[in-house]
PDB file of N, CA and C in Angstrom:
ATOM      1  N   MET A   1     -46.119 -66.968  88.027  1.00  0.00           N
ATOM      2  CA  MET A   1     -47.393 -66.598  87.448  1.00  0.00           C
ATOM      3  C   MET A   1     -47.467 -67.202  86.043  1.00  0.00           C
ATOM      4  N   THR A   2     -48.651 -67.614  85.625  1.00  0.00           N
ATOM      5  CA  THR A   2     -48.814 -68.165  84.282  1.00  0.00           C
ATOM      6  C   THR A   2     -49.563 -67.169  83.402  1.00  0.00           C
ATOM      7  N   PHE A   3     -49.500 -67.406  82.098  1.00  0.00           N
ATOM      8  CA  PHE A   3     -50.172 -66.535  81.139  1.00  0.00           C
ATOM      9  C   PHE A   3     -51.679 -66.482  81.416  1.00  0.00           C
ATOM     10  N   LYS A   4     -52.245 -67.593  81.808  1.00  0.00           N
ATOM     11  CA  LYS A   4     -53.683 -67.675  82.079  1.00  0.00           C
ATOM     12  C   LYS A   4     -54.110 -66.724  83.193  1.00  0.00           C
ATOM     13  N   GLU A   5     -53.224 -66.464  84.153  1.00  0.00           N
ATOM     14  CA  GLU A   5     -53.549 -65.608  85.301  1.00  0.00           C
ATOM     15  C   GLU A   5     -53.522 -64.114  84.968  1.00  0.00           C
ATOM     16  N   LEU A   6     -52.934 -63.754  83.838  1.00  0.00           N
ATOM     17  CA  LEU A   6     -52.889 -62.345  83.448  1.00  0.00           C
ATOM     18  C   LEU A   6     -54.260 -61.877  82.982  1.00  0.00           C
ATOM     19  N   GLN A   7     -54.479 -60.576  83.064  1.00  0.00           N
ATOM     20  CA  GLN A   7     -55.689 -59.981  82.517  1.00  0.00           C
ATOM     21  C   GLN A   7     -55.388 -59.483  81.112  1.00  0.00           C
ATOM     22  N   THR A   8     -56.405 -59.428  80.273  1.00  0.00           N
ATOM     23  CA  THR A   8     -56.229 -58.905  78.917  1.00  0.00           C
ATOM     24  C   THR A   8     -55.710 -57.473  78.997  1.00  0.00           C
ATOM     25  N   GLY A   9     -54.656 -57.188  78.236  1.00  0.00           N
ATOM     26  CA  GLY A   9     -54.045 -55.861  78.232  1.00  0.00           C
ATOM     27  C   GLY A   9     -52.797 -55.756  79.088  1.00  0.00           C
ATOM     28  N   ASP A  10     -52.521 -56.755  79.930  1.00  0.00           N
ATOM     29  CA  ASP A  10     -51.325 -56.735  80.777  1.00  0.00           C
ATOM     30  C   ASP A  10     -50.061 -56.916  79.937  1.00  0.00           C
ATOM     31  N   TYR A  11     -49.011 -56.206  80.324  1.00  0.00           N
ATOM     32  CA  TYR A  11     -47.698 -56.355  79.689  1.00  0.00           C
ATOM     33  C   TYR A  11     -46.873 -57.330  80.521  1.00  0.00           C
ATOM     34  N   PHE A  12     -46.091 -58.167  79.847  1.00  0.00           N
ATOM     35  CA  PHE A  12     -45.336 -59.177  80.574  1.00  0.00           C
ATOM     36  C   PHE A  12     -44.101 -59.598  79.792  1.00  0.00           C
ATOM     37  N   ARG A  13     -43.230 -60.338  80.488  1.00  0.00           N
ATOM     38  CA  ARG A  13     -42.064 -60.971  79.876  1.00  0.00           C
ATOM     39  C   ARG A  13     -42.197 -62.472  80.109  1.00  0.00           C
ATOM     40  N   ILE A  14     -41.675 -63.262  79.176  1.00  0.00           N
ATOM     41  CA  ILE A  14     -41.699 -64.714  79.338  1.00  0.00           C
ATOM     42  C   ILE A  14     -40.442 -65.116  80.101  1.00  0.00           C
ATOM     43  N   LEU A  15     -40.617 -65.867  81.174  1.00  0.00           N
ATOM     44  CA  LEU A  15     -39.486 -66.305  81.989  1.00  0.00           C
ATOM     45  C   LEU A  15     -38.627 -67.300  81.217  1.00  0.00           C
ATOM     46  N   GLY A  16     -37.317 -67.217  81.390  1.00  0.00           N
ATOM     47  CA  GLY A  16     -36.397 -68.141  80.751  1.00  0.00           C
ATOM     48  C   GLY A  16     -35.865 -67.649  79.412  1.00  0.00           C
ATOM     49  N   ILE A  17     -36.364 -66.540  78.911  1.00  0.00           N
ATOM     50  CA  ILE A  17     -35.862 -65.984  77.656  1.00  0.00           C
ATOM     51  C   ILE A  17     -34.860 -64.894  78.001  1.00  0.00           C
ATOM     52  N   THR A  18     -33.658 -64.989  77.425  1.00  0.00           N
ATOM     53  CA  THR A  18     -32.607 -64.036  77.774  1.00  0.00           C
ATOM     54  C   THR A  18     -32.842 -62.651  77.173  1.00  0.00           C
ATOM     55  N   THR A  19     -33.463 -62.593  75.996  1.00  0.00           N
ATOM     56  CA  THR A  19     -33.750 -61.293  75.390  1.00  0.00           C
ATOM     57  C   THR A  19     -34.988 -60.710  76.058  1.00  0.00           C
ATOM     58  N   PRO A  20     -34.904 -59.474  76.538  1.00  0.00           N
ATOM     59  CA  PRO A  20     -36.032 -58.911  77.305  1.00  0.00           C
ATOM     60  C   PRO A  20     -37.177 -58.391  76.419  1.00  0.00           C
ATOM     61  N   TYR A  21     -37.842 -59.292  75.679  1.00  0.00           N
ATOM     62  CA  TYR A  21     -38.999 -58.879  74.891  1.00  0.00           C
ATOM     63  C   TYR A  21     -40.171 -58.600  75.808  1.00  0.00           C
ATOM     64  N   VAL A  22     -40.972 -57.597  75.451  1.00  0.00           N
ATOM     65  CA  VAL A  22     -42.163 -57.269  76.216  1.00  0.00           C
ATOM     66  C   VAL A  22     -43.374 -57.625  75.365  1.00  0.00           C
ATOM     67  N   TYR A  23     -44.252 -58.433  75.928  1.00  0.00           N
ATOM     68  CA  TYR A  23     -45.462 -58.886  75.258  1.00  0.00           C
ATOM     69  C   TYR A  23     -46.673 -58.231  75.916  1.00  0.00           C
ATOM     70  N   ARG A  24     -47.816 -58.314  75.217  1.00  0.00           N
ATOM     71  CA  ARG A  24     -49.064 -57.811  75.777  1.00  0.00           C
ATOM     72  C   ARG A  24     -50.138 -58.858  75.532  1.00  0.00           C
ATOM     73  N   LYS A  25     -50.903 -59.191  76.563  1.00  0.00           N
ATOM     74  CA  LYS A  25     -51.956 -60.196  76.426  1.00  0.00           C
ATOM     75  C   LYS A  25     -53.128 -59.602  75.653  1.00  0.00           C
ATOM     76  N   THR A  26     -53.521 -60.280  74.573  1.00  0.00           N
ATOM     77  CA  THR A  26     -54.648 -59.802  73.767  1.00  0.00           C
ATOM     78  C   THR A  26     -55.923 -60.593  74.031  1.00  0.00           C
ATOM     79  N   ASN A  27     -55.774 -61.900  74.278  1.00  0.00           N
ATOM     80  CA  ASN A  27     -56.911 -62.737  74.664  1.00  0.00           C
ATOM     81  C   ASN A  27     -56.378 -63.968  75.387  1.00  0.00           C
ATOM     82  N   ASP A  28     -57.208 -64.964  75.618  1.00  0.00           N
ATOM     83  CA  ASP A  28     -56.810 -66.112  76.440  1.00  0.00           C
ATOM     84  C   ASP A  28     -55.787 -67.035  75.797  1.00  0.00           C
ATOM     85  N   ASP A  29     -55.577 -66.932  74.497  1.00  0.00           N
ATOM     86  CA  ASP A  29     -54.615 -67.835  73.861  1.00  0.00           C
ATOM     87  C   ASP A  29     -53.620 -67.140  72.939  1.00  0.00           C
ATOM     88  N   SER A  30     -53.519 -65.820  73.011  1.00  0.00           N
ATOM     89  CA  SER A  30     -52.528 -65.119  72.189  1.00  0.00           C
ATOM     90  C   SER A  30     -52.091 -63.812  72.845  1.00  0.00           C
ATOM     91  N   CYS A  31     -50.955 -63.320  72.347  1.00  0.00           N
ATOM     92  CA  CYS A  31     -50.390 -62.068  72.832  1.00  0.00           C
ATOM     93  C   CYS A  31     -49.776 -61.352  71.627  1.00  0.00           C
ATOM     94  N   THR A  32     -49.332 -60.125  71.835  1.00  0.00           N
ATOM     95  CA  THR A  32     -48.687 -59.390  70.753  1.00  0.00           C
ATOM     96  C   THR A  32     -47.258 -59.069  71.124  1.00  0.00           C
ATOM     97  N   LEU A  33     -46.418 -59.066  70.099  1.00  0.00           N
ATOM     98  CA  LEU A  33     -45.025 -58.641  70.211  1.00  0.00           C
ATOM     99  C   LEU A  33     -44.776 -57.771  69.002  1.00  0.00           C
ATOM    100  N   ASN A  34     -44.489 -56.475  69.227  1.00  0.00           N
ATOM    101  CA  ASN A  34     -44.298 -55.526  68.123  1.00  0.00           C
ATOM    102  C   ASN A  34     -45.488 -55.547  67.163  1.00  0.00           C
ATOM    103  N   GLU A  35     -46.688 -55.511  67.713  1.00  0.00           N
ATOM    104  CA  GLU A  35     -47.940 -55.474  66.962  1.00  0.00           C
ATOM    105  C   GLU A  35     -48.180 -56.716  66.111  1.00  0.00           C
ATOM    106  N   THR A  36     -47.463 -57.813  66.390  1.00  0.00           N
ATOM    107  CA  THR A  36     -47.656 -59.068  65.684  1.00  0.00           C
ATOM    108  C   THR A  36     -48.289 -60.065  66.641  1.00  0.00           C
ATOM    109  N   LEU A  37     -49.411 -60.647  66.229  1.00  0.00           N
ATOM    110  CA  LEU A  37     -50.111 -61.601  67.074  1.00  0.00           C
ATOM    111  C   LEU A  37     -49.324 -62.896  67.184  1.00  0.00           C
ATOM    112  N   GLN A  38     -49.130 -63.387  68.401  1.00  0.00           N
ATOM    113  CA  GLN A  38     -48.368 -64.600  68.678  1.00  0.00           C
ATOM    114  C   GLN A  38     -49.221 -65.561  69.497  1.00  0.00           C
ATOM    115  N   PRO A  39     -49.269 -66.845  69.131  1.00  0.00           N
ATOM    116  CA  PRO A  39     -49.971 -67.807  69.988  1.00  0.00           C
ATOM    117  C   PRO A  39     -49.127 -68.109  71.222  1.00  0.00           C
ATOM    118  N   ILE A  40     -49.775 -68.441  72.330  1.00  0.00           N
ATOM    119  CA  ILE A  40     -49.052 -68.754  73.561  1.00  0.00           C
ATOM    120  C   ILE A  40     -49.885 -69.743  74.374  1.00  0.00           C
ATOM    121  N   ARG A  41     -49.209 -70.635  75.058  1.00  0.00           N
ATOM    122  CA  ARG A  41     -49.904 -71.632  75.889  1.00  0.00           C
ATOM    123  C   ARG A  41     -50.322 -70.989  77.209  1.00  0.00           C
ATOM    124  N   PRO A  42     -51.476 -71.371  77.739  1.00  0.00           N
ATOM    125  CA  PRO A  42     -51.977 -70.759  78.979  1.00  0.00           C
ATOM    126  C   PRO A  42     -51.089 -71.003  80.191  1.00  0.00           C
ATOM    127  N   TYR A  43     -50.325 -72.091  80.200  1.00  0.00           N
ATOM    128  CA  TYR A  43     -49.497 -72.419  81.366  1.00  0.00           C
ATOM    129  C   TYR A  43     -48.056 -71.919  81.249  1.00  0.00           C
ATOM    130  N   THR A  44     -47.767 -71.087  80.246  1.00  0.00           N
ATOM    131  CA  THR A  44     -46.434 -70.511  80.094  1.00  0.00           C
ATOM    132  C   THR A  44     -46.118 -69.619  81.288  1.00  0.00           C
ATOM    133  N   SER A  45     -44.916 -69.776  81.870  1.00  0.00           N
ATOM    134  CA  SER A  45     -44.504 -68.946  83.010  1.00  0.00           C
ATOM    135  C   SER A  45     -44.136 -67.553  82.530  1.00  0.00           C
ATOM    136  N   VAL A  46     -44.744 -66.553  83.134  1.00  0.00           N
ATOM    137  CA  VAL A  46     -44.517 -65.162  82.736  1.00  0.00           C
ATOM    138  C   VAL A  46     -44.269 -64.311  83.971  1.00  0.00           C
ATOM    139  N   LYS A  47     -43.734 -63.114  83.731  1.00  0.00           N
ATOM    140  CA  LYS A  47     -43.537 -62.129  84.796  1.00  0.00           C
ATOM    141  C   LYS A  47     -44.227 -60.850  84.357  1.00  0.00           C
ATOM    142  N   LYS A  48     -45.251 -60.450  85.090  1.00  0.00           N
ATOM    143  CA  LYS A  48     -45.975 -59.221  84.778  1.00  0.00           C
ATOM    144  C   LYS A  48     -45.071 -58.022  85.054  1.00  0.00           C
ATOM    145  N   LEU A  49     -45.088 -57.034  84.155  1.00  0.00           N
ATOM    146  CA  LEU A  49     -44.268 -55.839  84.346  1.00  0.00           C
ATOM    147  C   LEU A  49     -44.808 -55.002  85.497  1.00  0.00           C
ATOM    148  N   THR A  50     -43.900 -54.465  86.288  1.00  0.00           N
ATOM    149  CA  THR A  50     -44.297 -53.553  87.366  1.00  0.00           C
ATOM    150  C   THR A  50     -44.613 -52.191  86.746  1.00  0.00           C
ATOM    151  N   GLY A  51     -45.174 -51.309  87.527  1.00  0.00           N
ATOM    152  CA  GLY A  51     -45.501 -49.968  87.041  1.00  0.00           C
ATOM    153  C   GLY A  51     -44.286 -49.228  86.513  1.00  0.00           C
ATOM    154  N   THR A  52     -43.159 -49.325  87.226  1.00  0.00           N
ATOM    155  CA  THR A  52     -41.926 -48.655  86.808  1.00  0.00           C
ATOM    156  C   THR A  52     -41.412 -49.237  85.501  1.00  0.00           C
ATOM    157  N   GLU A  53     -41.418 -50.570  85.396  1.00  0.00           N
ATOM    158  CA  GLU A  53     -40.957 -51.220  84.162  1.00  0.00           C
ATOM    159  C   GLU A  53     -41.850 -50.857  82.984  1.00  0.00           C
ATOM    160  N   LEU A  54     -43.145 -50.763  83.231  1.00  0.00           N
ATOM    161  CA  LEU A  54     -44.082 -50.417  82.166  1.00  0.00           C
ATOM    162  C   LEU A  54     -43.871 -48.981  81.693  1.00  0.00           C
ATOM    163  N   ILE A  55     -43.672 -48.061  82.626  1.00  0.00           N
ATOM    164  CA  ILE A  55     -43.408 -46.663  82.263  1.00  0.00           C
ATOM    165  C   ILE A  55     -42.128 -46.568  81.441  1.00  0.00           C
ATOM    166  N   GLU A  56     -41.090 -47.288  81.849  1.00  0.00           N
ATOM    167  CA  GLU A  56     -39.820 -47.282  81.115  1.00  0.00           C
ATOM    168  C   GLU A  56     -40.008 -47.852  79.707  1.00  0.00           C
ATOM    169  N   PHE A  57     -40.727 -48.962  79.594  1.00  0.00           N
ATOM    170  CA  PHE A  57     -40.962 -49.597  78.296  1.00  0.00           C
ATOM    171  C   PHE A  57     -41.758 -48.679  77.373  1.00  0.00           C
ATOM    172  N   LEU A  58     -42.858 -48.110  77.876  1.00  0.00           N
ATOM    173  CA  LEU A  58     -43.679 -47.230  77.050  1.00  0.00           C
ATOM    174  C   LEU A  58     -42.934 -45.960  76.671  1.00  0.00           C
ATOM    175  N   GLY A  59     -42.037 -45.488  77.543  1.00  0.00           N
ATOM    176  CA  GLY A  59     -41.217 -44.318  77.220  1.00  0.00           C
ATOM    177  C   GLY A  59     -40.276 -44.592  76.060  1.00  0.00           C
ATOM    178  N   GLN A  60     -39.818 -45.821  75.933  1.00  0.00           N
ATOM    179  CA  GLN A  60     -38.940 -46.192  74.820  1.00  0.00           C
ATOM    180  C   GLN A  60     -39.714 -46.327  73.519  1.00  0.00           C
ATOM    181  N   GLN A  61     -41.029 -46.481  73.600  1.00  0.00           N
ATOM    182  CA  GLN A  61     -41.856 -46.680  72.413  1.00  0.00           C
ATOM    183  C   GLN A  61     -42.311 -45.382  71.779  1.00  0.00           C
ATOM    184  N   GLN A  62     -41.959 -44.241  72.365  1.00  0.00           N
ATOM    185  CA  GLN A  62     -42.375 -42.960  71.812  1.00  0.00           C
ATOM    186  C   GLN A  62     -41.745 -42.748  70.444  1.00  0.00           C
ATOM    187  N   PRO A  63     -42.448 -42.082  69.520  1.00  0.00           N
ATOM    188  CA  PRO A  63     -41.914 -41.878  68.166  1.00  0.00           C
ATOM    189  C   PRO A  63     -40.582 -41.133  68.136  1.00  0.00           C
ATOM    190  N   ASP A  64     -40.343 -40.246  69.096  1.00  0.00           N
ATOM    191  CA  ASP A  64     -39.094 -39.476  69.105  1.00  0.00           C
ATOM    192  C   ASP A  64     -37.887 -40.372  69.355  1.00  0.00           C
ATOM    193  N   SER A  65     -38.080 -41.498  70.047  1.00  0.00           N
ATOM    194  CA  SER A  65     -36.955 -42.364  70.355  1.00  0.00           C
ATOM    195  C   SER A  65     -36.683 -43.364  69.234  1.00  0.00           C
ATOM    196  N   GLN A  66     -37.594 -43.458  68.272  1.00  0.00           N
ATOM    197  CA  GLN A  66     -37.414 -44.371  67.153  1.00  0.00           C
ATOM    198  C   GLN A  66     -36.548 -43.710  66.089  1.00  0.00           C
ATOM    199  N   PRO A  67     -35.650 -44.469  65.455  1.00  0.00           N
ATOM    200  CA  PRO A  67     -34.873 -43.890  64.372  1.00  0.00           C
ATOM    201  C   PRO A  67     -35.784 -43.521  63.213  1.00  0.00           C
ATOM    202  N   GLN A  68     -35.496 -42.412  62.603  1.00  0.00           N
ATOM    203  CA  GLN A  68     -36.298 -41.947  61.486  1.00  0.00           C
ATOM    204  C   GLN A  68     -36.043 -42.806  60.260  1.00  0.00           C
ATOM    205  N   ARG A  69     -37.116 -43.278  59.657  1.00  0.00           N
ATOM    206  CA  ARG A  69     -36.988 -44.055  58.436  1.00  0.00           C
ATOM    207  C   ARG A  69     -37.236 -43.137  57.257  1.00  0.00           C
ATOM    208  N   THR A  70     -36.393 -43.242  56.261  1.00  0.00           N
ATOM    209  CA  THR A  70     -36.551 -42.438  55.069  1.00  0.00           C
ATOM    210  C   THR A  70     -37.262 -43.273  54.017  1.00  0.00           C
ATOM    211  N   VAL A  71     -38.323 -42.733  53.478  1.00  0.00           N
ATOM    212  CA  VAL A  71     -39.060 -43.419  52.429  1.00  0.00           C
ATOM    213  C   VAL A  71     -38.709 -42.746  51.122  1.00  0.00           C
ATOM    214  N   ARG A  72     -38.184 -43.535  50.203  1.00  0.00           N
ATOM    215  CA  ARG A  72     -37.833 -42.989  48.893  1.00  0.00           C
ATOM    216  C   ARG A  72     -38.841 -43.500  47.879  1.00  0.00           C
ATOM    217  N   LEU A  73     -39.406 -42.594  47.140  1.00  0.00           N
ATOM    218  CA  LEU A  73     -40.362 -42.970  46.110  1.00  0.00           C
ATOM    219  C   LEU A  73     -39.628 -43.136  44.794  1.00  0.00           C
ATOM    220  N   LYS A  74     -40.007 -44.164  44.059  1.00  0.00           N
ATOM    221  CA  LYS A  74     -39.404 -44.365  42.746  1.00  0.00           C
ATOM    222  C   LYS A  74     -40.036 -43.379  41.786  1.00  0.00           C
ATOM    223  N   SER A  75     -39.199 -42.727  41.007  1.00  0.00           N
ATOM    224  CA  SER A  75     -39.734 -41.800  40.021  1.00  0.00           C
ATOM    225  C   SER A  75     -39.941 -42.541  38.707  1.00  0.00           C
ATOM    226  N   ARG A  76     -40.996 -42.174  38.023  1.00  0.00           N
ATOM    227  CA  ARG A  76     -41.266 -42.777  36.730  1.00  0.00           C
ATOM    228  C   ARG A  76     -40.719 -41.866  35.646  1.00  0.00           C
ATOM    229  N   PRO A  77     -40.153 -42.450  34.599  1.00  0.00           N
ATOM    230  CA  PRO A  77     -39.666 -41.590  33.530  1.00  0.00           C
ATOM    231  C   PRO A  77     -40.837 -40.939  32.804  1.00  0.00           C
ATOM    232  N   VAL A  78     -40.682 -39.677  32.491  1.00  0.00           N
ATOM    233  CA  VAL A  78     -41.710 -38.944  31.766  1.00  0.00           C
ATOM    234  C   VAL A  78     -41.407 -39.094  30.281  1.00  0.00           C
ATOM    235  N   PRO A  79     -42.388 -39.574  29.508  1.00  0.00           N
ATOM    236  CA  PRO A  79     -42.108 -39.735  28.078  1.00  0.00           C
ATOM    237  C   PRO A  79     -41.860 -38.375  27.430  1.00  0.00           C
ATOM    238  N   SER A  80     -40.931 -38.384  26.506  1.00  0.00           N
ATOM    239  CA  SER A  80     -40.658 -37.122  25.811  1.00  0.00           C
ATOM    240  C   SER A  80     -41.848 -36.774  24.922  1.00  0.00           C
ATOM    241  N   ARG A  81     -41.961 -35.543  24.552  1.00  0.00           N
ATOM    242  CA  ARG A  81     -43.075 -35.097  23.718  1.00  0.00           C
ATOM    243  C   ARG A  81     -43.086 -35.800  22.368  1.00  0.00           C
ATOM    244  N   GLU A  82     -41.900 -36.042  21.822  1.00  0.00           N
ATOM    245  CA  GLU A  82     -41.833 -36.685  20.524  1.00  0.00           C
ATOM    246  C   GLU A  82     -42.373 -38.113  20.595  1.00  0.00           C
ATOM    247  N   LYS A  83     -42.016 -38.849  21.652  1.00  0.00           N
ATOM    248  CA  LYS A  83     -42.484 -40.224  21.795  1.00  0.00           C
ATOM    249  C   LYS A  83     -43.981 -40.263  22.052  1.00  0.00           C
ATOM    250  N   ALA A  84     -44.513 -39.274  22.717  1.00  0.00           N
ATOM    251  CA  ALA A  84     -45.934 -39.237  23.019  1.00  0.00           C
ATOM    252  C   ALA A  84     -46.741 -38.685  21.846  1.00  0.00           C
ATOM    253  N   GLY A  85     -46.079 -38.178  20.820  1.00  0.00           N
ATOM    254  CA  GLY A  85     -46.785 -37.611  19.678  1.00  0.00           C
ATOM    255  C   GLY A  85     -47.339 -36.222  19.948  1.00  0.00           C
ATOM    256  N   ILE A  86     -46.726 -35.515  20.875  1.00  0.00           N
ATOM    257  CA  ILE A  86     -47.193 -34.179  21.212  1.00  0.00           C
ATOM    258  C   ILE A  86     -46.036 -33.211  21.049  1.00  0.00           C
ATOM    259  N   SER A  87     -46.294 -32.143  20.332  1.00  0.00           N
ATOM    260  CA  SER A  87     -45.295 -31.074  20.227  1.00  0.00           C
ATOM    261  C   SER A  87     -45.687 -29.979  21.202  1.00  0.00           C
ATOM    262  N   LYS A  88     -44.836 -29.007  21.318  1.00  0.00           N
ATOM    263  CA  LYS A  88     -45.187 -27.921  22.221  1.00  0.00           C
ATOM    264  C   LYS A  88     -46.348 -27.084  21.682  1.00  0.00           C
ATOM    265  N   TYR A  89     -46.718 -27.316  20.387  1.00  0.00           N
ATOM    266  CA  TYR A  89     -47.827 -26.571  19.792  1.00  0.00           C
ATOM    267  C   TYR A  89     -49.098 -27.402  19.712  1.00  0.00           C
ATOM    268  N   GLY A  90     -49.055 -28.668  20.118  1.00  0.00           N
ATOM    269  CA  GLY A  90     -50.262 -29.509  20.071  1.00  0.00           C
ATOM    270  C   GLY A  90     -49.918 -30.903  19.606  1.00  0.00           C
ATOM    271  N   ILE A  91     -50.949 -31.682  19.277  1.00  0.00           N
ATOM    272  CA  ILE A  91     -50.783 -33.062  18.886  1.00  0.00           C
ATOM    273  C   ILE A  91     -50.332 -33.144  17.429  1.00  0.00           C
ATOM    274  N   ILE A  92     -49.349 -33.993  17.139  1.00  0.00           N
ATOM    275  CA  ILE A  92     -48.841 -34.198  15.778  1.00  0.00           C
ATOM    276  C   ILE A  92     -49.749 -35.213  15.086  1.00  0.00           C
ATOM    277  N   LYS A  93     -50.218 -34.879  13.868  1.00  0.00           N
ATOM    278  CA  LYS A  93     -51.098 -35.787  13.140  1.00  0.00           C
ATOM    279  C   LYS A  93     -50.381 -36.425  11.995  1.00  0.00           C
TER     280      LYS A  93
END
C-alpha cells in the first residue's frame, strides 16, 4: 500500500524502517509523528495499522503511561527593603 492510498486520519507505519514509529496522515503530502508535521512522498510504501494495533498504540499514548515531567520555576530574588528604599514603617526620604 502507498501513502497516497491512505485516507486522511489513518495511522500507519513506513515499511523498511526498523524503529516502529506510528504516523498519522494529515493531508495528501504530509503526516504527523509526535504532533510534528512531516513531509512524505505519495508513493512511499506504508502499512496501515490494524484495529488491534491502533488500540494498543493509543493505549500507550494515555497520560497515565507517560512519565511525569517536573517543571521547576526559577525564583527571582526579592530586593531587601533597604535596597528598595522602603522600611517597615514606610518609604525612606
